[in-house]
Amino acid sequence: MMIQEIKMYTFGDILVGLDSEEINETEQIIEIRKIFSKLAEDLKDNYNLNRSPVKSLLFDQAIGQISATQLLVEKLLKMK
């Protein structure tokens, strides 16, 4: 019997595009993604501790801003 290992990606990794074994980006972009992934993961963990309607709205907005900022930072770093 053969056991196949499957890597489980975190919410943050999926959000920022680190959910693949093959990422065709520079080390600088991968490092930026890891930073934003950690930030998103920390926010998710905090949100899950004590949910409320207001905290839910703020969480959604914060995650949206993390995504937008990550994309803008990557775009800026790739500009020539």
PDB file of N, CA and C in Angstrom:
ATOM      1  N   MET A   1       0.845  -1.180   0.000  1.00  0.00           N
ATOM      2  CA  MET A   1       0.000   0.000   0.000  1.00  0.00           C
ATOM      3  C   MET A   1       0.888   1.241   0.000  1.00  0.00           C
ATOM      4  N   MET A   2       0.573   2.166  -0.870  1.00  0.00           N
ATOM      5  CA  MET A   2       1.374   3.375  -1.011  1.00  0.00           C
ATOM      6  C   MET A   2       0.637   4.559  -0.397  1.00  0.00           C
ATOM      7  N   ILE A   3       1.350   5.337   0.398  1.00  0.00           N
ATOM      8  CA  ILE A   3       0.762   6.525   1.025  1.00  0.00           C
ATOM      9  C   ILE A   3       1.247   7.750   0.257  1.00  0.00           C
ATOM     10  N   GLN A   4       0.297   8.571  -0.174  1.00  0.00           N
ATOM     11  CA  GLN A   4       0.645   9.782  -0.905  1.00  0.00           C
ATOM     12  C   GLN A   4       0.458  10.977   0.016  1.00  0.00           C
ATOM     13  N   GLU A   5       1.521  11.764   0.154  1.00  0.00           N
ATOM     14  CA  GLU A   5       1.441  12.953   0.983  1.00  0.00           C
ATOM     15  C   GLU A   5       0.867  14.110   0.173  1.00  0.00           C
ATOM     16  N   ILE A   6      -0.028  14.846   0.804  1.00  0.00           N
ATOM     17  CA  ILE A   6      -0.631  16.008   0.173  1.00  0.00           C
ATOM     18  C   ILE A   6      -0.366  17.211   1.071  1.00  0.00           C
ATOM     19  N   LYS A   7       0.224  18.253   0.499  1.00  0.00           N
ATOM     20  CA  LYS A   7       0.506  19.451   1.284  1.00  0.00           C
ATOM     21  C   LYS A   7      -0.791  20.238   1.466  1.00  0.00           C
ATOM     22  N   MET A   8      -1.052  20.621   2.705  1.00  0.00           N
ATOM     23  CA  MET A   8      -2.220  21.436   3.017  1.00  0.00           C
ATOM     24  C   MET A   8      -1.765  22.890   3.098  1.00  0.00           C
ATOM     25  N   TYR A   9      -2.327  23.719   2.249  1.00  0.00           N
ATOM     26  CA  TYR A   9      -1.967  25.123   2.226  1.00  0.00           C
ATOM     27  C   TYR A   9      -2.840  25.912   3.191  1.00  0.00           C
ATOM     28  N   THR A  10      -2.260  26.949   3.784  1.00  0.00           N
ATOM     29  CA  THR A  10      -3.002  27.782   4.720  1.00  0.00           C
ATOM     30  C   THR A  10      -3.882  28.767   3.947  1.00  0.00           C
ATOM     31  N   PHE A  11      -4.804  29.368   4.668  1.00  0.00           N
ATOM     32  CA  PHE A  11      -5.660  30.411   4.106  1.00  0.00           C
ATOM     33  C   PHE A  11      -4.816  31.516   3.480  1.00  0.00           C
ATOM     34  N   GLY A  12      -3.795  31.957   4.206  1.00  0.00           N
ATOM     35  CA  GLY A  12      -2.924  33.025   3.723  1.00  0.00           C
ATOM     36  C   GLY A  12      -2.172  32.632   2.461  1.00  0.00           C
ATOM     37  N   ASP A  13      -1.669  31.391   2.418  1.00  0.00           N
ATOM     38  CA  ASP A  13      -0.953  30.921   1.232  1.00  0.00           C
ATOM     39  C   ASP A  13      -1.857  30.920   0.002  1.00  0.00           C
ATOM     40  N   ILE A  14      -3.072  30.454   0.173  1.00  0.00           N
ATOM     41  CA  ILE A  14      -4.026  30.419  -0.936  1.00  0.00           C
ATOM     42  C   ILE A  14      -4.371  31.831  -1.373  1.00  0.00           C
ATOM     43  N   LEU A  15      -4.574  32.727  -0.411  1.00  0.00           N
ATOM     44  CA  LEU A  15      -4.944  34.106  -0.710  1.00  0.00           C
ATOM     45  C   LEU A  15      -3.913  34.816  -1.580  1.00  0.00           C
ATOM     46  N   VAL A  16      -2.640  34.606  -1.279  1.00  0.00           N
ATOM     47  CA  VAL A  16      -1.588  35.353  -1.979  1.00  0.00           C
ATOM     48  C   VAL A  16      -0.933  34.585  -3.120  1.00  0.00           C
ATOM     49  N   GLY A  17      -1.379  33.375  -3.383  1.00  0.00           N
ATOM     50  CA  GLY A  17      -0.852  32.624  -4.519  1.00  0.00           C
ATOM     51  C   GLY A  17       0.353  31.765  -4.228  1.00  0.00           C
ATOM     52  N   LEU A  18       0.475  31.309  -2.996  1.00  0.00           N
ATOM     53  CA  LEU A  18       1.563  30.393  -2.644  1.00  0.00           C
ATOM     54  C   LEU A  18       1.063  28.947  -2.545  1.00  0.00           C
ATOM     55  N   ASP A  19      -0.006  28.646  -3.240  1.00  0.00           N
ATOM     56  CA  ASP A  19      -0.638  27.333  -3.128  1.00  0.00           C
ATOM     57  C   ASP A  19      -0.281  26.409  -4.293  1.00  0.00           C
ATOM     58  N   SER A  20       0.974  26.461  -4.697  1.00  0.00           N
ATOM     59  CA  SER A  20       1.457  25.610  -5.774  1.00  0.00           C
ATOM     60  C   SER A  20       2.903  25.230  -5.483  1.00  0.00           C
ATOM     61  N   GLU A  21       3.280  24.050  -5.901  1.00  0.00           N
ATOM     62  CA  GLU A  21       4.668  23.619  -5.712  1.00  0.00           C
ATOM     63  C   GLU A  21       5.602  24.365  -6.663  1.00  0.00           C
ATOM     64  N   GLU A  22       5.079  24.771  -7.806  1.00  0.00           N
ATOM     65  CA  GLU A  22       5.886  25.474  -8.795  1.00  0.00           C
ATOM     66  C   GLU A  22       5.385  26.907  -8.942  1.00  0.00           C
ATOM     67  N   ILE A  23       6.165  27.839  -8.434  1.00  0.00           N
ATOM     68  CA  ILE A  23       5.833  29.258  -8.543  1.00  0.00           C
ATOM     69  C   ILE A  23       6.925  29.907  -9.385  1.00  0.00           C
ATOM     70  N   ASN A  24       6.532  30.485 -10.496  1.00  0.00           N
ATOM     71  CA  ASN A  24       7.492  31.093 -11.416  1.00  0.00           C
ATOM     72  C   ASN A  24       7.633  32.585 -11.136  1.00  0.00           C
ATOM     73  N   GLU A  25       8.125  32.896  -9.969  1.00  0.00           N
ATOM     74  CA  GLU A  25       8.333  34.284  -9.553  1.00  0.00           C
ATOM     75  C   GLU A  25       9.732  34.424  -8.971  1.00  0.00           C
ATOM     76  N   THR A  26      10.176  35.661  -8.843  1.00  0.00           N
ATOM     77  CA  THR A  26      11.487  35.923  -8.250  1.00  0.00           C
ATOM     78  C   THR A  26      11.433  35.657  -6.744  1.00  0.00           C
ATOM     79  N   GLU A  27      12.597  35.509  -6.158  1.00  0.00           N
ATOM     80  CA  GLU A  27      12.681  35.307  -4.708  1.00  0.00           C
ATOM     81  C   GLU A  27      12.084  36.491  -3.954  1.00  0.00           C
ATOM     82  N   GLN A  28      12.271  37.696  -4.497  1.00  0.00           N
ATOM     83  CA  GLN A  28      11.728  38.902  -3.866  1.00  0.00           C
ATOM     84  C   GLN A  28      10.192  38.849  -3.825  1.00  0.00           C
ATOM     85  N   ILE A  29       9.561  38.445  -4.910  1.00  0.00           N
ATOM     86  CA  ILE A  29       8.101  38.349  -4.967  1.00  0.00           C
ATOM     87  C   ILE A  29       7.604  37.251  -4.029  1.00  0.00           C
ATOM     88  N   ILE A  30       8.291  36.135  -3.998  1.00  0.00           N
ATOM     89  CA  ILE A  30       7.895  35.041  -3.097  1.00  0.00           C
ATOM     90  C   ILE A  30       7.998  35.485  -1.650  1.00  0.00           C
ATOM     91  N   GLU A  31       9.051  36.230  -1.320  1.00  0.00           N
ATOM     92  CA  GLU A  31       9.210  36.734   0.051  1.00  0.00           C
ATOM     93  C   GLU A  31       8.084  37.703   0.414  1.00  0.00           C
ATOM     94  N   ILE A  32       7.709  38.589  -0.520  1.00  0.00           N
ATOM     95  CA  ILE A  32       6.588  39.515  -0.303  1.00  0.00           C
ATOM     96  C   ILE A  32       5.310  38.723  -0.046  1.00  0.00           C
ATOM     97  N   ARG A  33       5.075  37.693  -0.854  1.00  0.00           N
ATOM     98  CA  ARG A  33       3.875  36.867  -0.676  1.00  0.00           C
ATOM     99  C   ARG A  33       3.861  36.176   0.682  1.00  0.00           C
ATOM    100  N   LYS A  34       5.016  35.717   1.137  1.00  0.00           N
ATOM    101  CA  LYS A  34       5.088  35.069   2.452  1.00  0.00           C
ATOM    102  C   LYS A  34       4.722  36.049   3.561  1.00  0.00           C
ATOM    103  N   ILE A  35       5.174  37.292   3.428  1.00  0.00           N
ATOM    104  CA  ILE A  35       4.855  38.322   4.429  1.00  0.00           C
ATOM    105  C   ILE A  35       3.345  38.572   4.473  1.00  0.00           C
ATOM    106  N   PHE A  36       2.732  38.755   3.297  1.00  0.00           N
ATOM    107  CA  PHE A  36       1.298  39.002   3.249  1.00  0.00           C
ATOM    108  C   PHE A  36       0.503  37.761   3.684  1.00  0.00           C
ATOM    109  N   SER A  37       1.018  36.577   3.385  1.00  0.00           N
ATOM    110  CA  SER A  37       0.373  35.343   3.816  1.00  0.00           C
ATOM    111  C   SER A  37       0.327  35.260   5.346  1.00  0.00           C
ATOM    112  N   LYS A  38       1.452  35.589   5.968  1.00  0.00           N
ATOM    113  CA  LYS A  38       1.526  35.564   7.445  1.00  0.00           C
ATOM    114  C   LYS A  38       0.560  36.583   8.048  1.00  0.00           C
ATOM    115  N   LEU A  39       0.495  37.760   7.472  1.00  0.00           N
ATOM    116  CA  LEU A  39      -0.422  38.795   7.952  1.00  0.00           C
ATOM    117  C   LEU A  39      -1.872  38.329   7.854  1.00  0.00           C
ATOM    118  N   ALA A  40      -2.245  37.760   6.720  1.00  0.00           N
ATOM    119  CA  ALA A  40      -3.616  37.263   6.531  1.00  0.00           C
ATOM    120  C   ALA A  40      -3.918  36.128   7.510  1.00  0.00           C
ATOM    121  N   GLU A  41      -2.965  35.260   7.733  1.00  0.00           N
ATOM    122  CA  GLU A  41      -3.148  34.139   8.656  1.00  0.00           C
ATOM    123  C   GLU A  41      -3.330  34.635  10.087  1.00  0.00           C
ATOM    124  N   ASP A  42      -2.544  35.631  10.491  1.00  0.00           N
ATOM    125  CA  ASP A  42      -2.670  36.211  11.829  1.00  0.00           C
ATOM    126  C   ASP A  42      -4.046  36.861  12.020  1.00  0.00           C
ATOM    127  N   LEU A  43      -4.503  37.589  10.999  1.00  0.00           N
ATOM    128  CA  LEU A  43      -5.832  38.213  11.078  1.00  0.00           C
ATOM    129  C   LEU A  43      -6.931  37.164  11.180  1.00  0.00           C
ATOM    130  N   LYS A  44      -6.815  36.096  10.382  1.00  0.00           N
ATOM    131  CA  LYS A  44      -7.814  35.026  10.417  1.00  0.00           C
ATOM    132  C   LYS A  44      -7.862  34.372  11.793  1.00  0.00           C
ATOM    133  N   ASP A  45      -6.701  34.093  12.357  1.00  0.00           N
ATOM    134  CA  ASP A  45      -6.656  33.469  13.683  1.00  0.00           C
ATOM    135  C   ASP A  45      -7.295  34.368  14.733  1.00  0.00           C
ATOM    136  N   ASN A  46      -6.998  35.672  14.681  1.00  0.00           N
ATOM    137  CA  ASN A  46      -7.589  36.614  15.628  1.00  0.00           C
ATOM    138  C   ASN A  46      -9.096  36.704  15.437  1.00  0.00           C
ATOM    139  N   TYR A  47      -9.529  36.747  14.190  1.00  0.00           N
ATOM    140  CA  TYR A  47     -10.961  36.823  13.883  1.00  0.00           C
ATOM    141  C   TYR A  47     -11.704  35.606  14.420  1.00  0.00           C
ATOM    142  N   ASN A  48     -11.106  34.441  14.302  1.00  0.00           N
ATOM    143  CA  ASN A  48     -11.757  33.206  14.751  1.00  0.00           C
ATOM    144  C   ASN A  48     -11.856  33.090  16.264  1.00  0.00           C
ATOM    145  N   LEU A  49     -11.077  33.864  17.010  1.00  0.00           N
ATOM    146  CA  LEU A  49     -11.136  33.816  18.472  1.00  0.00           C
ATOM    147  C   LEU A  49     -12.451  34.365  19.025  1.00  0.00           C
ATOM    148  N   ASN A  50     -12.937  35.428  18.410  1.00  0.00           N
ATOM    149  CA  ASN A  50     -14.133  36.086  18.936  1.00  0.00           C
ATOM    150  C   ASN A  50     -14.837  36.825  17.798  1.00  0.00           C
ATOM    151  N   ARG A  51     -15.734  36.131  17.148  1.00  0.00           N
ATOM    152  CA  ARG A  51     -16.432  36.726  15.996  1.00  0.00           C
ATOM    153  C   ARG A  51     -17.570  37.623  16.441  1.00  0.00           C
ATOM    154  N   SER A  52     -17.795  38.655  15.652  1.00  0.00           N
ATOM    155  CA  SER A  52     -18.935  39.544  15.855  1.00  0.00           C
ATOM    156  C   SER A  52     -19.273  40.152  14.498  1.00  0.00           C
ATOM    157  N   PRO A  53     -20.468  40.711  14.347  1.00  0.00           N
ATOM    158  CA  PRO A  53     -20.822  41.312  13.051  1.00  0.00           C
ATOM    159  C   PRO A  53     -19.860  42.420  12.622  1.00  0.00           C
ATOM    160  N   VAL A  54     -19.482  43.281  13.553  1.00  0.00           N
ATOM    161  CA  VAL A  54     -18.568  44.374  13.215  1.00  0.00           C
ATOM    162  C   VAL A  54     -17.190  43.814  12.864  1.00  0.00           C
ATOM    163  N   LYS A  55     -16.716  42.861  13.655  1.00  0.00           N
ATOM    164  CA  LYS A  55     -15.410  42.262  13.393  1.00  0.00           C
ATOM    165  C   LYS A  55     -15.420  41.543  12.046  1.00  0.00           C
ATOM    166  N   SER A  56     -16.541  40.965  11.673  1.00  0.00           N
ATOM    167  CA  SER A  56     -16.670  40.289  10.384  1.00  0.00           C
ATOM    168  C   SER A  56     -16.501  41.274   9.230  1.00  0.00           C
ATOM    169  N   LEU A  57     -17.159  42.419   9.333  1.00  0.00           N
ATOM    170  CA  LEU A  57     -17.036  43.444   8.303  1.00  0.00           C
ATOM    171  C   LEU A  57     -15.598  43.955   8.196  1.00  0.00           C
ATOM    172  N   LEU A  58     -14.975  44.198   9.329  1.00  0.00           N
ATOM    173  CA  LEU A  58     -13.592  44.686   9.343  1.00  0.00           C
ATOM    174  C   LEU A  58     -12.631  43.641   8.784  1.00  0.00           C
ATOM    175  N   PHE A  59     -12.871  42.382   9.125  1.00  0.00           N
ATOM    176  CA  PHE A  59     -12.031  41.297   8.620  1.00  0.00           C
ATOM    177  C   PHE A  59     -12.109  41.229   7.094  1.00  0.00           C
ATOM    178  N   ASP A  60     -13.328  41.265   6.564  1.00  0.00           N
ATOM    179  CA  ASP A  60     -13.509  41.214   5.107  1.00  0.00           C
ATOM    180  C   ASP A  60     -12.785  42.377   4.424  1.00  0.00           C
ATOM    181  N   GLN A  61     -12.926  43.563   4.990  1.00  0.00           N
ATOM    182  CA  GLN A  61     -12.259  44.737   4.415  1.00  0.00           C
ATOM    183  C   GLN A  61     -10.739  44.615   4.507  1.00  0.00           C
ATOM    184  N   ALA A  62     -10.246  44.150   5.643  1.00  0.00           N
ATOM    185  CA  ALA A  62      -8.796  44.017   5.837  1.00  0.00           C
ATOM    186  C   ALA A  62      -8.205  42.994   4.860  1.00  0.00           C
ATOM    187  N   ILE A  63      -8.881  41.879   4.669  1.00  0.00           N
ATOM    188  CA  ILE A  63      -8.403  40.857   3.734  1.00  0.00           C
ATOM    189  C   ILE A  63      -8.410  41.410   2.310  1.00  0.00           C
ATOM    190  N   GLY A  64      -9.436  42.168   1.966  1.00  0.00           N
ATOM    191  CA  GLY A  64      -9.480  42.800   0.647  1.00  0.00           C
ATOM    192  C   GLY A  64      -8.329  43.769   0.445  1.00  0.00           C
ATOM    193  N   GLN A  65      -8.017  44.533   1.482  1.00  0.00           N
ATOM    194  CA  GLN A  65      -6.916  45.486   1.395  1.00  0.00           C
ATOM    195  C   GLN A  65      -5.561  44.781   1.320  1.00  0.00           C
ATOM    196  N   ILE A  66      -5.416  43.677   2.032  1.00  0.00           N
ATOM    197  CA  ILE A  66      -4.178  42.889   1.955  1.00  0.00           C
ATOM    198  C   ILE A  66      -3.979  42.393   0.524  1.00  0.00           C
ATOM    199  N   SER A  67      -5.044  41.861  -0.075  1.00  0.00           N
ATOM    200  CA  SER A  67      -4.954  41.359  -1.450  1.00  0.00           C
ATOM    201  C   SER A  67      -4.586  42.475  -2.419  1.00  0.00           C
ATOM    202  N   ALA A  68      -5.258  43.599  -2.299  1.00  0.00           N
ATOM    203  CA  ALA A  68      -4.999  44.726  -3.198  1.00  0.00           C
ATOM    204  C   ALA A  68      -3.575  45.245  -3.025  1.00  0.00           C
ATOM    205  N   THR A  69      -3.130  45.383  -1.791  1.00  0.00           N
ATOM    206  CA  THR A  69      -1.786  45.896  -1.519  1.00  0.00           C
ATOM    207  C   THR A  69      -0.722  44.942  -2.034  1.00  0.00           C
ATOM    208  N   GLN A  70      -0.924  43.662  -1.833  1.00  0.00           N
ATOM    209  CA  GLN A  70       0.035  42.664  -2.326  1.00  0.00           C
ATOM    210  C   GLN A  70       0.169  42.769  -3.839  1.00  0.00           C
ATOM    211  N   LEU A  71      -0.954  42.863  -4.543  1.00  0.00           N
ATOM    212  CA  LEU A  71      -0.910  42.961  -5.999  1.00  0.00           C
ATOM    213  C   LEU A  71      -0.224  44.245  -6.460  1.00  0.00           C
ATOM    214  N   LEU A  72      -0.489  45.356  -5.763  1.00  0.00           N
ATOM    215  CA  LEU A  72       0.154  46.624  -6.115  1.00  0.00           C
ATOM    216  C   LEU A  72       1.662  46.580  -5.874  1.00  0.00           C
ATOM    217  N   VAL A  73       2.082  45.996  -4.762  1.00  0.00           N
ATOM    218  CA  VAL A  73       3.501  45.883  -4.451  1.00  0.00           C
ATOM    219  C   VAL A  73       4.198  45.034  -5.519  1.00  0.00           C
ATOM    220  N   GLU A  74       3.577  43.902  -5.887  1.00  0.00           N
ATOM    221  CA  GLU A  74       4.170  43.054  -6.922  1.00  0.00           C
ATOM    222  C   GLU A  74       4.258  43.793  -8.244  1.00  0.00           C
ATOM    223  N   LYS A  75       3.216  44.512  -8.607  1.00  0.00           N
ATOM    224  CA  LYS A  75       3.222  45.279  -9.850  1.00  0.00           C
ATOM    225  C   LYS A  75       4.353  46.312  -9.841  1.00  0.00           C
ATOM    226  N   LEU A  76       4.516  47.012  -8.743  1.00  0.00           N
ATOM    227  CA  LEU A  76       5.562  48.021  -8.617  1.00  0.00           C
ATOM    228  C   LEU A  76       6.949  47.395  -8.745  1.00  0.00           C
ATOM    229  N   LEU A  77       7.152  46.248  -8.104  1.00  0.00           N
ATOM    230  CA  LEU A  77       8.453  45.592  -8.155  1.00  0.00           C
ATOM    231  C   LEU A  77       8.773  45.035  -9.544  1.00  0.00           C
ATOM    232  N   LYS A  78       7.736  44.722 -10.319  1.00  0.00           N
ATOM    233  CA  LYS A  78       7.957  44.164 -11.654  1.00  0.00           C
ATOM    234  C   LYS A  78       8.096  45.243 -12.727  1.00  0.00           C
ATOM    235  N   MET A  79       7.754  46.484 -12.401  1.00  0.00           N
ATOM    236  CA  MET A  79       7.854  47.574 -13.389  1.00  0.00           C
ATOM    237  C   MET A  79       9.317  47.861 -13.709  1.00  0.00           C
ATOM    238  N   LYS A  80       9.559  48.188 -14.948  1.00  0.00           N
ATOM    239  CA  LYS A  80      10.938  48.483 -15.376  1.00  0.00           C
ATOM    240  C   LYS A  80      11.109  49.947 -15.627  1.00  0.00           C
TER     241      LYS A  80
END
